[in-house]
């Protein structure tokens, strides 16, 4: 990432020859009102004081990206730079009624902050420095009128007109009431006292990174916001597109399962890469992938114009629907597979699932959605996805990069109609026992949930009431200084964290079990587990005749877990 932060006085920035400032389509509309203008005005008045000892005043940061036309696209600071342009335009207007001798160079100097200037022609009123691509047609007309030579505005209801009028009125009052320091006030605006931090970045992505860092308290633009601008510029049915986008935004905002729109476009990027047989796991910029026609970097999204295909926005909407609640679209078996994957240590597996959604996208167009037909490929392939992810997991090698390599390969193999393959194998029993002994609660929870599903052959929902499930130690965690059934403090320490001593329970039952011995847990909680969750093995433990839990039980169950996992993963 390269960028050039520069402290620059605002008048110099606005008046540089040939400089154009563009508010791109992906920005939000101009929102500043009188409250913000009043705050800015009062701050400046406070800094000016009586004009005798003016300190520097920081107006804020402007984060930009120089586009292919040499224009500065405003990533951060569009409200500020638009408002300051209106303020400098108002300054220019205050000199119109003055005699030529009194005007001096002020009309030219303030005008140069708004329009181009040539020495032999003067101010070129048709060449404004500021333009907006996000502005509505009505507001664009008003802004052009404000930034014209005569400043005749028909509609005073827009923020542009209201804010211009606010500053113009304030300037006239200041000029009338404080005429002795008026020139000093003008010099402050044209001199070095008012400055911004200008950041010119080498790419949109760099600008977005800096913007988000500077605006951690605000609402940052996402990469999806930028992509929205690219699409909006190209589509002819702009109203329909805007409504469709707003609908997707609403879905995402109301969902706990989708972080933001970026997630959907990232999934779309991986889908496109699969369709191009790309298994390179190098991290790629989603923004560049869709906007930079770079063959070397395999930016297939831009090279093949995927953003502008008719199917793109409808599919993004369908993908949002799916990830909001997959069980609305999948049959029971596939939904249970998803419930297992949801507990995995990262969500990179979703790349493969999203590709399955893409391959079956035509079902969304049906008036009556057919879960069973839609789920055929999911039933067939999600089990394999769980297998490959779990094998990496059991080998202590399930990092994001490793799982990405697995799902990229699966995507391309599926695209090409090949059999899935993996280099991971099931570790030996000894390694399995050693690794699982060190599992934290999150890893143990994933493995035990998967085992609970295998134990019941995926025949029922493990947690239909959406209870919080926790890892229960069958042999109590706390040693109670009582040697019994062959247990002592040393053997308790050796066996406590073995996988065979851990089982899933709902939170309420786990609390009630606390430090109770096995016989008490059997009668009070294990037997009644079906009131809370469909944990068949817990129920079977509750019903067994033997009411003690010893070392042989833990070793036997550890072996059963390994053997049943081995059958599932073969």
Foldseek 3Di string as FASTA:
>chain_A
DDKDKDKDALLCVLQPAPAAEEAFQLDDDQDDAPVVLVVVVVVLCVQCPLVPDHAADEQEAWQFEQDPVRYTHTQPCPNPLLLVLLLLLLQLVVCPPPDPVVCPCSNQSSLSSFAHQDPVPGGDLVGGRYDYPNDDPVVRVQVNLCSGPVNDGDDCPDRSNNSSVVSNVVLVVCCVPVVVCNVSSSCCNRDNRYIYTYMYDHDPVVSQVVQCVVPVVHDGRDLVSVLLSVQCVPDPPNVVSVVLVVVLQVLQVPAPQHPGLVVLLVLVLLLVCLLVLHLDLPDDDSNCLQDPCDVVRPSVNPVVVVSHDPCVSVLSSVLSVCRRPVPVQAPLLLVLLVVLQVLDPDNLLVSLVSNLCVVLVVQVVDPDRDRVVSCPVSNVPSLVLCLQQVLCVLVVRNDSSVSSSQSSQVSNCVSVVHDRDDPGDHDDLVSSQVVQLPDDFSSLVSLQSVLLCLVVVSPDFFFPPPFAKGKAFQQAPDDDCDDDPNDDPVVCVVQRSGSLRIHIAGPVLRVVCHNPHQLVSLPPPLCPRVVGGPRPVSNVSSPDPDRHCDPVSSVVSSVVSSVSSNVSND
